[in-house]
Amino acid sequence: MKGLCSLETVQNRLFNAFIRSEKGEQLLKMYLSQPSNENLERLDEAFKIYYLKIKTFSYFSKTISFEAKHFDKKRRKIADRFLVILDSPIDEEENITMKDMIADYSQYVSNISLENWEDNITNEVIRNSIKVLTKRQKEVIKYSFFQNMRDKEIADKLGISQQAVSKTKKLALNKLRRQWCNE
């Protein structure tokens, strides 16, 4: 076995990392203060365990990286092979495309009056839960979820800060969650 304090061992980054650990430092100090075969074996055994952990971690890290790349490559290959072409005809006899088959919900949403949006909620539990909210919380929920506005846009519309909108939305959602759990 090479000397523990040889230049090659001291320059080894892995060994240096080991002796910077609490256990490694303690075992090295013990060996240097009381050199014996028993202390050397303890230090050597602890280093072997440390080395095995590092090698195992490195193996798993490389394996996960490889598998992630392989998965992404496979996913892209499948996506390229099975392209969804919305403008291609579904049936050769009729001129119907996939795009024609996709439902357009905007016509249903435009029929909903945003002034009375609460009346359009058909779920009784949700409707009763919304009644507990303050006027400001209802406004924020309406703009956020029914008009798909961002917090910044809601803040500008209501004349409050973006943080206030975020906090109001969070409080409203927590209040709704508590209501749903109680019912």
N, C-alpha and C. Protein backbone atom coordinates (compact mmCIF):
# COMPACT_ATOMS: atom_id res chain seq x y z
N MET A 1 0.85 -1.19 0.00
CA MET A 1 0.00 0.00 0.00
C MET A 1 0.88 1.24 0.00
N LYS A 2 0.51 2.21 -0.81
CA LYS A 2 1.28 3.45 -0.87
C LYS A 2 1.13 4.19 0.45
N GLY A 3 2.10 5.01 0.75
CA GLY A 3 2.04 5.78 1.97
C GLY A 3 0.86 6.74 1.96
N LEU A 4 0.22 6.87 3.09
CA LEU A 4 -0.97 7.71 3.21
C LEU A 4 -0.66 9.17 2.94
N CYS A 5 0.54 9.59 3.26
CA CYS A 5 0.90 10.99 3.08
C CYS A 5 1.76 11.20 1.84
N SER A 6 1.75 10.24 0.92
CA SER A 6 2.53 10.42 -0.31
C SER A 6 1.95 11.56 -1.12
N LEU A 7 2.76 12.13 -1.99
CA LEU A 7 2.36 13.27 -2.81
C LEU A 7 1.15 12.92 -3.67
N GLU A 8 1.14 11.70 -4.21
CA GLU A 8 0.03 11.26 -5.06
C GLU A 8 -1.29 11.23 -4.28
N THR A 9 -1.25 10.75 -3.06
CA THR A 9 -2.45 10.66 -2.23
C THR A 9 -2.93 12.05 -1.83
N VAL A 10 -2.01 12.92 -1.45
CA VAL A 10 -2.38 14.26 -1.00
C VAL A 10 -2.96 15.07 -2.16
N GLN A 11 -2.48 14.83 -3.37
CA GLN A 11 -2.97 15.58 -4.53
C GLN A 11 -4.30 15.04 -5.04
N ASN A 12 -4.71 13.89 -4.58
CA ASN A 12 -5.95 13.27 -5.04
C ASN A 12 -7.14 14.08 -4.52
N ARG A 13 -7.92 14.62 -5.43
CA ARG A 13 -9.07 15.47 -5.05
C ARG A 13 -10.10 14.70 -4.24
N LEU A 14 -10.30 13.45 -4.58
CA LEU A 14 -11.29 12.64 -3.87
C LEU A 14 -10.87 12.43 -2.42
N PHE A 15 -9.59 12.13 -2.23
CA PHE A 15 -9.09 11.93 -0.87
C PHE A 15 -9.16 13.24 -0.09
N ASN A 16 -8.82 14.34 -0.75
CA ASN A 16 -8.90 15.65 -0.08
C ASN A 16 -10.34 15.97 0.34
N ALA A 17 -11.29 15.62 -0.52
CA ALA A 17 -12.69 15.84 -0.15
C ALA A 17 -13.07 14.97 1.03
N PHE A 18 -12.54 13.75 1.06
CA PHE A 18 -12.83 12.83 2.17
C PHE A 18 -12.30 13.38 3.49
N ILE A 19 -11.06 13.87 3.48
CA ILE A 19 -10.50 14.36 4.75
C ILE A 19 -11.09 15.70 5.17
N ARG A 20 -11.81 16.36 4.27
CA ARG A 20 -12.52 17.58 4.67
C ARG A 20 -13.83 17.24 5.38
N SER A 21 -14.29 15.99 5.20
CA SER A 21 -15.50 15.58 5.91
C SER A 21 -15.15 15.39 7.38
N GLU A 22 -16.15 15.48 8.23
CA GLU A 22 -15.91 15.40 9.67
C GLU A 22 -15.28 14.06 10.06
N LYS A 23 -15.86 12.98 9.55
CA LYS A 23 -15.35 11.65 9.89
C LYS A 23 -13.95 11.44 9.33
N GLY A 24 -13.72 11.84 8.08
CA GLY A 24 -12.40 11.68 7.47
C GLY A 24 -11.33 12.46 8.20
N GLU A 25 -11.67 13.69 8.56
CA GLU A 25 -10.71 14.53 9.28
C GLU A 25 -10.37 13.92 10.64
N GLN A 26 -11.39 13.42 11.32
CA GLN A 26 -11.20 12.82 12.64
C GLN A 26 -10.30 11.57 12.54
N LEU A 27 -10.56 10.71 11.56
CA LEU A 27 -9.76 9.49 11.41
C LEU A 27 -8.33 9.80 11.00
N LEU A 28 -8.14 10.80 10.13
CA LEU A 28 -6.78 11.17 9.72
C LEU A 28 -6.00 11.72 10.90
N LYS A 29 -6.64 12.59 11.70
CA LYS A 29 -5.96 13.14 12.88
C LYS A 29 -5.57 12.01 13.85
N MET A 30 -6.49 11.05 14.00
CA MET A 30 -6.21 9.94 14.90
C MET A 30 -5.00 9.14 14.38
N TYR A 31 -4.96 8.90 13.08
CA TYR A 31 -3.85 8.14 12.51
C TYR A 31 -2.53 8.91 12.61
N LEU A 32 -2.58 10.22 12.33
CA LEU A 32 -1.35 11.01 12.39
C LEU A 32 -0.83 11.17 13.82
N SER A 33 -1.74 11.24 14.79
CA SER A 33 -1.31 11.40 16.18
C SER A 33 -0.90 10.05 16.79
N GLN A 34 -1.54 8.98 16.34
CA GLN A 34 -1.23 7.64 16.86
C GLN A 34 -1.11 6.66 15.68
N PRO A 35 -0.01 6.71 14.95
CA PRO A 35 0.12 5.83 13.78
C PRO A 35 0.15 4.36 14.21
N SER A 36 -0.83 3.62 13.69
CA SER A 36 -0.88 2.17 13.94
C SER A 36 -1.62 1.53 12.78
N ASN A 37 -1.43 0.24 12.63
CA ASN A 37 -2.13 -0.48 11.56
C ASN A 37 -3.65 -0.42 11.76
N GLU A 38 -4.07 -0.48 12.99
CA GLU A 38 -5.51 -0.44 13.30
C GLU A 38 -6.12 0.90 12.87
N ASN A 39 -5.46 2.02 13.19
CA ASN A 39 -5.95 3.34 12.79
C ASN A 39 -5.88 3.52 11.27
N LEU A 40 -4.84 2.95 10.66
CA LEU A 40 -4.72 3.01 9.20
C LEU A 40 -5.85 2.23 8.54
N GLU A 41 -6.17 1.06 9.09
CA GLU A 41 -7.27 0.25 8.55
C GLU A 41 -8.61 0.97 8.70
N ARG A 42 -8.84 1.62 9.82
CA ARG A 42 -10.09 2.39 10.02
C ARG A 42 -10.20 3.50 8.98
N LEU A 43 -9.09 4.23 8.81
CA LEU A 43 -9.07 5.31 7.83
C LEU A 43 -9.29 4.76 6.43
N ASP A 44 -8.61 3.67 6.11
CA ASP A 44 -8.73 3.05 4.79
C ASP A 44 -10.16 2.55 4.56
N GLU A 45 -10.75 1.92 5.55
CA GLU A 45 -12.12 1.39 5.42
C GLU A 45 -13.12 2.53 5.25
N ALA A 46 -12.96 3.59 6.01
CA ALA A 46 -13.86 4.74 5.89
C ALA A 46 -13.72 5.38 4.51
N PHE A 47 -12.48 5.46 4.00
CA PHE A 47 -12.27 6.02 2.67
C PHE A 47 -12.90 5.14 1.60
N LYS A 48 -12.79 3.82 1.75
CA LYS A 48 -13.40 2.91 0.78
C LYS A 48 -14.91 3.10 0.73
N ILE A 49 -15.53 3.25 1.89
CA ILE A 49 -16.98 3.48 1.95
C ILE A 49 -17.32 4.82 1.29
N TYR A 50 -16.54 5.85 1.61
CA TYR A 50 -16.75 7.16 1.00
C TYR A 50 -16.60 7.07 -0.52
N TYR A 51 -15.56 6.38 -0.97
CA TYR A 51 -15.29 6.21 -2.40
C TYR A 51 -16.44 5.48 -3.07
N LEU A 52 -16.95 4.42 -2.43
CA LEU A 52 -18.07 3.66 -2.98
C LEU A 52 -19.32 4.53 -3.11
N LYS A 53 -19.57 5.37 -2.10
CA LYS A 53 -20.72 6.28 -2.16
C LYS A 53 -20.58 7.26 -3.33
N ILE A 54 -19.39 7.81 -3.50
CA ILE A 54 -19.14 8.76 -4.59
C ILE A 54 -19.31 8.07 -5.93
N LYS A 55 -18.75 6.87 -6.09
CA LYS A 55 -18.88 6.13 -7.35
C LYS A 55 -20.34 5.80 -7.63
N THR A 56 -21.08 5.39 -6.59
CA THR A 56 -22.50 5.06 -6.76
C THR A 56 -23.28 6.30 -7.17
N PHE A 57 -23.02 7.40 -6.50
CA PHE A 57 -23.70 8.65 -6.84
C PHE A 57 -23.38 9.06 -8.28
N SER A 58 -22.12 8.95 -8.65
CA SER A 58 -21.70 9.29 -10.00
C SER A 58 -22.38 8.39 -11.03
N TYR A 59 -22.46 7.10 -10.72
CA TYR A 59 -23.11 6.15 -11.62
C TYR A 59 -24.58 6.52 -11.82
N PHE A 60 -25.28 6.75 -10.71
CA PHE A 60 -26.70 7.09 -10.82
C PHE A 60 -26.91 8.42 -11.53
N SER A 61 -26.05 9.37 -11.26
CA SER A 61 -26.15 10.67 -11.90
C SER A 61 -25.99 10.54 -13.42
N LYS A 62 -24.99 9.79 -13.84
CA LYS A 62 -24.77 9.58 -15.28
C LYS A 62 -25.90 8.78 -15.90
N THR A 63 -26.39 7.78 -15.18
CA THR A 63 -27.48 6.95 -15.69
C THR A 63 -28.75 7.78 -15.87
N ILE A 64 -29.06 8.59 -14.89
CA ILE A 64 -30.26 9.44 -14.97
C ILE A 64 -30.12 10.42 -16.13
N SER A 65 -28.95 11.02 -16.26
CA SER A 65 -28.71 11.95 -17.35
C SER A 65 -28.87 11.26 -18.70
N PHE A 66 -28.27 10.08 -18.84
CA PHE A 66 -28.38 9.33 -20.09
C PHE A 66 -29.83 8.97 -20.39
N GLU A 67 -30.53 8.47 -19.38
CA GLU A 67 -31.93 8.06 -19.58
C GLU A 67 -32.81 9.25 -19.93
N ALA A 68 -32.55 10.40 -19.32
CA ALA A 68 -33.33 11.60 -19.63
C ALA A 68 -33.11 12.01 -21.08
N LYS A 69 -31.85 11.97 -21.52
CA LYS A 69 -31.56 12.30 -22.91
C LYS A 69 -32.19 11.29 -23.86
N HIS A 70 -32.10 10.02 -23.49
CA HIS A 70 -32.68 8.96 -24.31
C HIS A 70 -34.20 9.11 -24.39
N PHE A 71 -34.83 9.41 -23.25
CA PHE A 71 -36.28 9.59 -23.21
C PHE A 71 -36.70 10.77 -24.09
N ASP A 72 -35.97 11.88 -23.98
CA ASP A 72 -36.29 13.06 -24.78
C ASP A 72 -36.12 12.77 -26.27
N LYS A 73 -35.04 12.07 -26.61
CA LYS A 73 -34.79 11.71 -28.01
C LYS A 73 -35.92 10.82 -28.54
N LYS A 74 -36.33 9.86 -27.72
CA LYS A 74 -37.41 8.94 -28.11
C LYS A 74 -38.74 9.69 -28.27
N ARG A 75 -39.00 10.60 -27.33
CA ARG A 75 -40.24 11.38 -27.38
C ARG A 75 -40.29 12.25 -28.63
N ARG A 76 -39.15 12.90 -28.95
CA ARG A 76 -39.10 13.73 -30.16
C ARG A 76 -39.25 12.90 -31.42
N LYS A 77 -38.67 11.71 -31.42
CA LYS A 77 -38.77 10.82 -32.58
C LYS A 77 -40.23 10.42 -32.81
N ILE A 78 -40.93 10.07 -31.73
CA ILE A 78 -42.35 9.71 -31.85
C ILE A 78 -43.17 10.91 -32.30
N ALA A 79 -42.88 12.08 -31.72
CA ALA A 79 -43.62 13.29 -32.10
C ALA A 79 -43.40 13.63 -33.57
N ASP A 80 -42.18 13.44 -34.05
CA ASP A 80 -41.89 13.71 -35.47
C ASP A 80 -42.55 12.69 -36.38
N ARG A 81 -42.63 11.47 -35.91
CA ARG A 81 -43.19 10.40 -36.73
C ARG A 81 -44.71 10.53 -36.84
N PHE A 82 -45.36 10.94 -35.76
CA PHE A 82 -46.81 11.01 -35.74
C PHE A 82 -47.28 12.46 -35.62
N LEU A 83 -46.95 13.25 -36.59
CA LEU A 83 -47.35 14.65 -36.60
C LEU A 83 -48.87 14.77 -36.70
N VAL A 84 -49.42 15.66 -35.93
CA VAL A 84 -50.84 15.95 -36.03
C VAL A 84 -50.97 17.12 -36.99
N ILE A 85 -51.55 16.85 -38.09
CA ILE A 85 -51.72 17.91 -39.09
C ILE A 85 -53.19 18.30 -39.07
N LEU A 86 -53.45 19.45 -38.51
CA LEU A 86 -54.83 19.88 -38.31
C LEU A 86 -55.55 20.19 -39.61
N ASP A 87 -54.82 20.59 -40.63
CA ASP A 87 -55.46 20.97 -41.89
C ASP A 87 -55.65 19.79 -42.85
N SER A 88 -55.13 18.62 -42.51
CA SER A 88 -55.30 17.48 -43.43
C SER A 88 -56.71 16.90 -43.26
N PRO A 89 -57.32 16.46 -44.35
CA PRO A 89 -58.69 15.95 -44.27
C PRO A 89 -58.76 14.64 -43.49
N ILE A 90 -59.82 14.51 -42.69
CA ILE A 90 -60.05 13.29 -41.93
C ILE A 90 -60.60 12.21 -42.86
N ASP A 91 -61.52 12.62 -43.67
CA ASP A 91 -62.19 11.70 -44.58
C ASP A 91 -61.99 12.22 -45.99
N GLU A 92 -61.62 11.34 -46.90
CA GLU A 92 -61.36 11.79 -48.27
C GLU A 92 -62.64 12.17 -49.00
N GLU A 93 -63.75 11.52 -48.63
CA GLU A 93 -65.02 11.81 -49.31
C GLU A 93 -65.57 13.16 -48.88
N GLU A 94 -65.48 13.44 -47.59
CA GLU A 94 -65.94 14.74 -47.09
C GLU A 94 -64.71 15.60 -46.85
N ASN A 95 -64.87 16.87 -46.96
CA ASN A 95 -63.75 17.78 -46.81
C ASN A 95 -63.66 18.30 -45.37
N ILE A 96 -63.76 17.43 -44.39
CA ILE A 96 -63.71 17.82 -42.98
C ILE A 96 -62.28 17.61 -42.48
N THR A 97 -61.75 18.65 -41.83
CA THR A 97 -60.39 18.56 -41.29
C THR A 97 -60.47 18.39 -39.78
N MET A 98 -59.32 18.05 -39.19
CA MET A 98 -59.24 17.91 -37.74
C MET A 98 -59.54 19.25 -37.07
N LYS A 99 -59.13 20.34 -37.70
CA LYS A 99 -59.38 21.67 -37.15
C LYS A 99 -60.88 21.95 -37.05
N ASP A 100 -61.65 21.44 -38.02
CA ASP A 100 -63.10 21.64 -38.00
C ASP A 100 -63.75 20.89 -36.85
N MET A 101 -63.11 19.82 -36.39
CA MET A 101 -63.68 18.97 -35.34
C MET A 101 -63.43 19.50 -33.94
N ILE A 102 -62.49 20.42 -33.80
CA ILE A 102 -62.15 20.96 -32.48
C ILE A 102 -63.24 21.94 -32.05
N ALA A 103 -63.75 21.73 -30.84
CA ALA A 103 -64.85 22.57 -30.34
C ALA A 103 -64.34 23.97 -30.02
N ASP A 104 -65.17 24.94 -30.31
CA ASP A 104 -64.86 26.34 -30.01
C ASP A 104 -65.74 26.77 -28.84
N TYR A 105 -65.13 26.85 -27.66
CA TYR A 105 -65.89 27.19 -26.47
C TYR A 105 -66.07 28.70 -26.28
N SER A 106 -65.43 29.48 -27.11
CA SER A 106 -65.52 30.93 -26.94
C SER A 106 -66.95 31.42 -27.11
N GLN A 107 -67.74 30.75 -27.96
CA GLN A 107 -69.13 31.17 -28.14
C GLN A 107 -69.94 30.95 -26.86
N TYR A 108 -69.60 29.90 -26.09
CA TYR A 108 -70.31 29.65 -24.85
C TYR A 108 -69.89 30.64 -23.77
N VAL A 109 -68.61 30.94 -23.73
CA VAL A 109 -68.10 31.87 -22.73
C VAL A 109 -68.61 33.28 -22.98
N SER A 110 -68.75 33.66 -24.25
CA SER A 110 -69.20 35.02 -24.54
C SER A 110 -70.66 35.22 -24.13
N ASN A 111 -71.43 34.14 -24.03
CA ASN A 111 -72.82 34.25 -23.60
C ASN A 111 -72.95 34.46 -22.10
N ILE A 112 -71.90 34.18 -21.35
CA ILE A 112 -71.94 34.35 -19.90
C ILE A 112 -71.75 35.82 -19.56
N SER A 113 -72.67 36.35 -18.81
CA SER A 113 -72.56 37.73 -18.38
C SER A 113 -71.56 37.80 -17.23
N LEU A 114 -70.55 38.62 -17.38
CA LEU A 114 -69.54 38.72 -16.33
C LEU A 114 -70.05 39.47 -15.11
N GLU A 115 -71.13 40.20 -15.28
CA GLU A 115 -71.71 40.90 -14.13
C GLU A 115 -72.39 39.90 -13.19
N ASN A 116 -73.00 38.88 -13.76
CA ASN A 116 -73.70 37.87 -12.96
C ASN A 116 -73.02 36.51 -13.10
N TRP A 117 -71.72 36.50 -13.08
CA TRP A 117 -70.96 35.27 -13.29
C TRP A 117 -71.25 34.22 -12.23
N GLU A 118 -71.59 34.66 -11.02
CA GLU A 118 -71.87 33.72 -9.94
C GLU A 118 -73.12 32.88 -10.24
N ASP A 119 -74.09 33.48 -10.94
CA ASP A 119 -75.33 32.77 -11.26
C ASP A 119 -75.10 31.66 -12.27
N ASN A 120 -74.03 31.74 -13.04
CA ASN A 120 -73.74 30.74 -14.06
C ASN A 120 -73.03 29.51 -13.51
N ILE A 121 -72.68 29.53 -12.23
CA ILE A 121 -72.02 28.38 -11.62
C ILE A 121 -73.09 27.38 -11.23
N THR A 122 -73.02 26.20 -11.80
CA THR A 122 -74.07 25.20 -11.59
C THR A 122 -73.82 24.33 -10.36
N ASN A 123 -72.59 24.23 -9.92
CA ASN A 123 -72.28 23.42 -8.75
C ASN A 123 -72.68 24.19 -7.49
N GLU A 124 -73.61 23.62 -6.74
CA GLU A 124 -74.16 24.29 -5.56
C GLU A 124 -73.10 24.57 -4.50
N VAL A 125 -72.20 23.62 -4.27
CA VAL A 125 -71.16 23.78 -3.25
C VAL A 125 -70.26 24.97 -3.60
N ILE A 126 -69.87 25.05 -4.87
CA ILE A 126 -69.00 26.16 -5.30
C ILE A 126 -69.74 27.48 -5.21
N ARG A 127 -71.00 27.50 -5.64
CA ARG A 127 -71.78 28.74 -5.59
C ARG A 127 -71.93 29.23 -4.15
N ASN A 128 -72.22 28.33 -3.21
CA ASN A 128 -72.36 28.72 -1.80
C ASN A 128 -71.03 29.17 -1.22
N SER A 129 -69.95 28.55 -1.65
CA SER A 129 -68.63 28.93 -1.16
C SER A 129 -68.25 30.33 -1.62
N ILE A 130 -68.61 30.66 -2.85
CA ILE A 130 -68.27 31.98 -3.40
C ILE A 130 -69.02 33.09 -2.66
N LYS A 131 -70.19 32.79 -2.14
CA LYS A 131 -70.96 33.81 -1.41
C LYS A 131 -70.23 34.30 -0.17
N VAL A 132 -69.31 33.50 0.35
CA VAL A 132 -68.56 33.85 1.56
C VAL A 132 -67.46 34.87 1.27
N LEU A 133 -67.04 34.97 0.02
CA LEU A 133 -65.94 35.87 -0.35
C LEU A 133 -66.35 37.33 -0.27
N THR A 134 -65.36 38.19 -0.04
CA THR A 134 -65.62 39.63 -0.05
C THR A 134 -65.79 40.09 -1.50
N LYS A 135 -66.28 41.31 -1.66
CA LYS A 135 -66.48 41.85 -3.00
C LYS A 135 -65.16 41.90 -3.77
N ARG A 136 -64.08 42.34 -3.13
CA ARG A 136 -62.77 42.43 -3.77
C ARG A 136 -62.26 41.05 -4.17
N GLN A 137 -62.44 40.05 -3.29
CA GLN A 137 -62.00 38.69 -3.60
C GLN A 137 -62.77 38.14 -4.80
N LYS A 138 -64.07 38.43 -4.86
CA LYS A 138 -64.88 37.97 -5.99
C LYS A 138 -64.40 38.61 -7.29
N GLU A 139 -64.07 39.91 -7.23
CA GLU A 139 -63.57 40.61 -8.42
C GLU A 139 -62.27 39.98 -8.92
N VAL A 140 -61.36 39.73 -7.99
CA VAL A 140 -60.07 39.15 -8.36
C VAL A 140 -60.26 37.76 -8.95
N ILE A 141 -61.12 36.95 -8.36
CA ILE A 141 -61.40 35.60 -8.88
C ILE A 141 -62.02 35.70 -10.27
N LYS A 142 -62.97 36.61 -10.43
CA LYS A 142 -63.63 36.78 -11.73
C LYS A 142 -62.62 37.15 -12.81
N TYR A 143 -61.80 38.16 -12.55
CA TYR A 143 -60.83 38.61 -13.55
C TYR A 143 -59.76 37.54 -13.82
N SER A 144 -59.35 36.87 -12.76
CA SER A 144 -58.28 35.90 -12.90
C SER A 144 -58.72 34.64 -13.63
N PHE A 145 -59.88 34.10 -13.26
CA PHE A 145 -60.27 32.80 -13.80
C PHE A 145 -61.29 32.86 -14.92
N PHE A 146 -62.10 33.89 -14.96
CA PHE A 146 -63.11 33.98 -16.02
C PHE A 146 -62.64 34.83 -17.20
N GLN A 147 -61.76 35.77 -16.93
CA GLN A 147 -61.25 36.61 -18.01
C GLN A 147 -59.77 36.35 -18.29
N ASN A 148 -59.19 35.38 -17.59
CA ASN A 148 -57.79 34.98 -17.79
C ASN A 148 -56.82 36.16 -17.75
N MET A 149 -57.07 37.09 -16.84
CA MET A 149 -56.18 38.24 -16.71
C MET A 149 -55.03 37.89 -15.77
N ARG A 150 -53.87 38.48 -16.02
CA ARG A 150 -52.72 38.30 -15.14
C ARG A 150 -52.88 39.22 -13.94
N ASP A 151 -52.13 38.91 -12.88
CA ASP A 151 -52.21 39.71 -11.66
C ASP A 151 -51.90 41.18 -11.93
N LYS A 152 -50.94 41.45 -12.79
CA LYS A 152 -50.56 42.83 -13.12
C LYS A 152 -51.73 43.56 -13.78
N GLU A 153 -52.42 42.88 -14.70
CA GLU A 153 -53.56 43.49 -15.39
C GLU A 153 -54.70 43.76 -14.41
N ILE A 154 -54.93 42.81 -13.51
CA ILE A 154 -55.98 42.99 -12.50
C ILE A 154 -55.63 44.17 -11.59
N ALA A 155 -54.36 44.25 -11.21
CA ALA A 155 -53.91 45.35 -10.35
C ALA A 155 -54.15 46.69 -11.02
N ASP A 156 -53.82 46.79 -12.29
CA ASP A 156 -54.04 48.04 -13.03
C ASP A 156 -55.53 48.37 -13.10
N LYS A 157 -56.35 47.37 -13.34
CA LYS A 157 -57.79 47.59 -13.48
C LYS A 157 -58.42 48.03 -12.15
N LEU A 158 -57.96 47.42 -11.04
CA LEU A 158 -58.55 47.73 -9.73
C LEU A 158 -57.83 48.86 -9.01
N GLY A 159 -56.69 49.30 -9.55
CA GLY A 159 -55.95 50.39 -8.93
C GLY A 159 -55.25 49.99 -7.64
N ILE A 160 -54.80 48.74 -7.57
CA ILE A 160 -54.07 48.26 -6.40
C ILE A 160 -52.76 47.64 -6.88
N SER A 161 -51.92 47.24 -5.94
CA SER A 161 -50.63 46.66 -6.32
C SER A 161 -50.79 45.21 -6.74
N GLN A 162 -49.81 44.75 -7.49
CA GLN A 162 -49.81 43.36 -7.95
C GLN A 162 -49.72 42.41 -6.74
N GLN A 163 -48.97 42.80 -5.73
CA GLN A 163 -48.85 41.98 -4.53
C GLN A 163 -50.19 41.87 -3.82
N ALA A 164 -50.96 42.96 -3.81
CA ALA A 164 -52.28 42.93 -3.18
C ALA A 164 -53.21 41.98 -3.92
N VAL A 165 -53.11 41.97 -5.25
CA VAL A 165 -53.92 41.05 -6.05
C VAL A 165 -53.55 39.61 -5.73
N SER A 166 -52.25 39.35 -5.70
CA SER A 166 -51.77 38.00 -5.41
C SER A 166 -52.23 37.53 -4.03
N LYS A 167 -52.12 38.42 -3.05
CA LYS A 167 -52.52 38.08 -1.68
C LYS A 167 -54.03 37.87 -1.61
N THR A 168 -54.80 38.73 -2.27
CA THR A 168 -56.26 38.60 -2.27
C THR A 168 -56.68 37.29 -2.91
N LYS A 169 -56.05 36.95 -4.03
CA LYS A 169 -56.38 35.69 -4.72
C LYS A 169 -56.06 34.50 -3.83
N LYS A 170 -54.90 34.55 -3.19
CA LYS A 170 -54.48 33.45 -2.32
C LYS A 170 -55.44 33.29 -1.15
N LEU A 171 -55.82 34.41 -0.53
CA LEU A 171 -56.78 34.36 0.58
C LEU A 171 -58.13 33.82 0.13
N ALA A 172 -58.57 34.26 -1.05
CA ALA A 172 -59.86 33.81 -1.58
C ALA A 172 -59.84 32.31 -1.84
N LEU A 173 -58.77 31.83 -2.45
CA LEU A 173 -58.68 30.39 -2.75
C LEU A 173 -58.59 29.56 -1.47
N ASN A 174 -57.87 30.07 -0.48
CA ASN A 174 -57.81 29.37 0.81
C ASN A 174 -59.18 29.34 1.48
N LYS A 175 -59.90 30.46 1.39
CA LYS A 175 -61.24 30.53 1.97
C LYS A 175 -62.17 29.54 1.27
N LEU A 176 -62.08 29.47 -0.05
CA LEU A 176 -62.90 28.52 -0.82
C LEU A 176 -62.55 27.08 -0.44
N ARG A 177 -61.27 26.81 -0.31
CA ARG A 177 -60.82 25.47 0.05
C ARG A 177 -61.38 25.06 1.42
N ARG A 178 -61.33 25.99 2.38
CA ARG A 178 -61.87 25.70 3.72
C ARG A 178 -63.38 25.45 3.65
N GLN A 179 -64.07 26.25 2.85
CA GLN A 179 -65.52 26.08 2.69
C GLN A 179 -65.85 24.71 2.11
N TRP A 180 -65.10 24.31 1.08
CA TRP A 180 -65.37 23.02 0.43
C TRP A 180 -65.10 21.87 1.38
N CYS A 181 -64.08 22.02 2.22
CA CYS A 181 -63.77 20.95 3.18
C CYS A 181 -64.85 20.83 4.24
N ASN A 182 -65.51 21.94 4.57
CA ASN A 182 -66.56 21.93 5.59
C ASN A 182 -67.87 21.37 5.07
N GLU A 183 -68.08 21.45 3.77
CA GLU A 183 -69.37 20.99 3.21
C GLU A 183 -69.30 19.57 2.75
